[in-house]
Amino acid sequence: MSECPHVLDLPHPEPTPLSDTCPECLAHGTHPVQLRICLTCGHVGCCDSSPGRHAFHHSEEEGHPVMRTLEPGESWRWCFADGSIV
């Protein structure tokens, strides 16, 4: 995994998840496939395989590029700005 420049700007320690599910999916009555946490602010959103793609939309709307998986046993991070695992 390579380090993108956006990783250097992330807060330490990483933010606490603001919820235990995707609030946009909850509001729309849909179910997330998998969850992601924004490493800038802690927003929880659903993955790109979910109908709403709320993690992606959060990244675009807020300008927060890096998300981490919230799936048990996984720890990878994704930079939407670079389109790569970081």
C-alpha atoms as a PDB file:
ATOM      1  CA  MET A   1       0.000   0.000   0.000  1.00  0.00           C
ATOM      2  CA  SER A   2       1.307   3.414  -0.901  1.00  0.00           C
ATOM      3  CA  GLU A   3       0.993   6.582   1.107  1.00  0.00           C
ATOM      4  CA  CYS A   4      -1.005   9.289  -0.603  1.00  0.00           C
ATOM      5  CA  PRO A   5      -0.528  12.934   0.397  1.00  0.00           C
ATOM      6  CA  HIS A   6      -4.026  12.998   1.943  1.00  0.00           C
ATOM      7  CA  VAL A   7      -3.026  10.522   4.663  1.00  0.00           C
ATOM      8  CA  LEU A   8      -0.601  13.078   6.121  1.00  0.00           C
ATOM      9  CA  ASP A   9      -3.511  15.473   6.775  1.00  0.00           C
ATOM     10  CA  LEU A  10      -5.625  12.986   8.742  1.00  0.00           C
ATOM     11  CA  PRO A  11      -6.251  13.629  12.445  1.00  0.00           C
ATOM     12  CA  HIS A  12      -4.498  11.477  15.046  1.00  0.00           C
ATOM     13  CA  PRO A  13      -5.967   9.567  16.701  1.00  0.00           C
ATOM     14  CA  GLU A  14      -8.511   8.751  14.031  1.00  0.00           C
ATOM     15  CA  PRO A  15     -12.055   9.934  14.739  1.00  0.00           C
ATOM     16  CA  THR A  16     -14.603   7.795  16.532  1.00  0.00           C
ATOM     17  CA  PRO A  17     -17.457   6.587  14.286  1.00  0.00           C
ATOM     18  CA  LEU A  18     -20.399   8.989  14.596  1.00  0.00           C
ATOM     19  CA  SER A  19     -22.904   6.142  14.218  1.00  0.00           C
ATOM     20  CA  ASP A  20     -23.053   2.355  13.992  1.00  0.00           C
ATOM     21  CA  THR A  21     -24.661   2.346  10.536  1.00  0.00           C
ATOM     22  CA  CYS A  22     -25.087   4.594   7.521  1.00  0.00           C
ATOM     23  CA  PRO A  23     -27.554   7.313   8.616  1.00  0.00           C
ATOM     24  CA  GLU A  24     -28.511   8.092   5.008  1.00  0.00           C
ATOM     25  CA  CYS A  25     -29.428   4.437   4.365  1.00  0.00           C
ATOM     26  CA  LEU A  26     -31.384   4.410   7.618  1.00  0.00           C
ATOM     27  CA  ALA A  27     -33.283   7.558   6.593  1.00  0.00           C
ATOM     28  CA  HIS A  28     -34.074   6.119   3.138  1.00  0.00           C
ATOM     29  CA  GLY A  29     -35.009   2.646   4.393  1.00  0.00           C
ATOM     30  CA  THR A  30     -32.203   0.919   2.505  1.00  0.00           C
ATOM     31  CA  HIS A  31     -29.546  -1.447   3.788  1.00  0.00           C
ATOM     32  CA  PRO A  32     -25.796  -0.884   3.413  1.00  0.00           C
ATOM     33  CA  VAL A  33     -23.728  -3.702   1.927  1.00  0.00           C
ATOM     34  CA  GLN A  34     -20.638  -2.676   3.924  1.00  0.00           C
ATOM     35  CA  LEU A  35     -19.718   0.347   6.011  1.00  0.00           C
ATOM     36  CA  ARG A  36     -16.890   2.873   5.765  1.00  0.00           C
ATOM     37  CA  ILE A  37     -15.731   5.553   8.219  1.00  0.00           C
ATOM     38  CA  CYS A  38     -14.489   8.946   7.098  1.00  0.00           C
ATOM     39  CA  LEU A  39     -11.046   9.396   8.611  1.00  0.00           C
ATOM     40  CA  THR A  40     -11.442  13.173   8.652  1.00  0.00           C
ATOM     41  CA  CYS A  41     -14.672  13.491  10.651  1.00  0.00           C
ATOM     42  CA  GLY A  42     -15.967  10.027  11.651  1.00  0.00           C
ATOM     43  CA  HIS A  43     -19.038  10.010   9.380  1.00  0.00           C
ATOM     44  CA  VAL A  44     -20.194   6.461   8.644  1.00  0.00           C
ATOM     45  CA  GLY A  45     -21.359   5.752   5.118  1.00  0.00           C
ATOM     46  CA  CYS A  46     -22.147   2.768   2.947  1.00  0.00           C
ATOM     47  CA  CYS A  47     -19.758   1.375   0.332  1.00  0.00           C
ATOM     48  CA  ASP A  48     -19.904   1.729  -3.438  1.00  0.00           C
ATOM     49  CA  SER A  49     -21.655  -1.654  -3.699  1.00  0.00           C
ATOM     50  CA  SER A  50     -24.575  -0.258  -1.668  1.00  0.00           C
ATOM     51  CA  PRO A  51     -27.462   1.440  -3.497  1.00  0.00           C
ATOM     52  CA  GLY A  52     -26.731   4.904  -2.085  1.00  0.00           C
ATOM     53  CA  ARG A  53     -22.906   4.927  -2.191  1.00  0.00           C
ATOM     54  CA  HIS A  54     -23.062   7.344   0.746  1.00  0.00           C
ATOM     55  CA  ALA A  55     -19.364   7.130   1.715  1.00  0.00           C
ATOM     56  CA  PHE A  56     -18.447   8.257  -1.805  1.00  0.00           C
ATOM     57  CA  HIS A  57     -21.005  11.062  -1.770  1.00  0.00           C
ATOM     58  CA  HIS A  58     -19.788  12.228   1.652  1.00  0.00           C
ATOM     59  CA  SER A  59     -16.239  12.370   0.317  1.00  0.00           C
ATOM     60  CA  GLU A  60     -17.310  14.423  -2.707  1.00  0.00           C
ATOM     61  CA  GLU A  61     -19.589  16.807  -0.804  1.00  0.00           C
ATOM     62  CA  GLU A  62     -17.294  17.419   2.179  1.00  0.00           C
ATOM     63  CA  GLY A  63     -13.917  17.120   0.484  1.00  0.00           C
ATOM     64  CA  HIS A  64     -12.850  14.362   2.904  1.00  0.00           C
ATOM     65  CA  PRO A  65     -10.804  11.981   0.744  1.00  0.00           C
ATOM     66  CA  VAL A  66      -9.846   9.004   2.947  1.00  0.00           C
ATOM     67  CA  MET A  67     -12.199   6.320   4.298  1.00  0.00           C
ATOM     68  CA  ARG A  68     -11.465   3.158   6.245  1.00  0.00           C
ATOM     69  CA  THR A  69     -13.486  -0.034   6.201  1.00  0.00           C
ATOM     70  CA  LEU A  70     -15.619  -0.702   9.282  1.00  0.00           C
ATOM     71  CA  GLU A  71     -15.929  -4.398   8.474  1.00  0.00           C
ATOM     72  CA  PRO A  72     -14.765  -6.827  11.189  1.00  0.00           C
ATOM     73  CA  GLY A  73     -11.280  -8.190  10.551  1.00  0.00           C
ATOM     74  CA  GLU A  74     -10.478  -5.572   7.892  1.00  0.00           C
ATOM     75  CA  SER A  75      -8.350  -2.431   8.247  1.00  0.00           C
ATOM     76  CA  TRP A  76      -7.692  -1.120   4.720  1.00  0.00           C
ATOM     77  CA  ARG A  77      -8.167   2.523   3.774  1.00  0.00           C
ATOM     78  CA  TRP A  78      -9.265   4.036   0.463  1.00  0.00           C
ATOM     79  CA  CYS A  79      -8.531   7.493  -0.910  1.00  0.00           C
ATOM     80  CA  PHE A  80     -11.365   8.669  -3.144  1.00  0.00           C
ATOM     81  CA  ALA A  81      -9.258  11.597  -4.406  1.00  0.00           C
ATOM     82  CA  ASP A  82      -6.464   9.301  -5.608  1.00  0.00           C
ATOM     83  CA  GLY A  83      -8.640   6.271  -6.380  1.00  0.00           C
ATOM     84  CA  SER A  84      -6.343   3.935  -4.493  1.00  0.00           C
ATOM     85  CA  ILE A  85      -5.797   1.890  -1.368  1.00  0.00           C
ATOM     86  CA  VAL A  86      -3.613   3.762   1.109  1.00  0.00           C
END
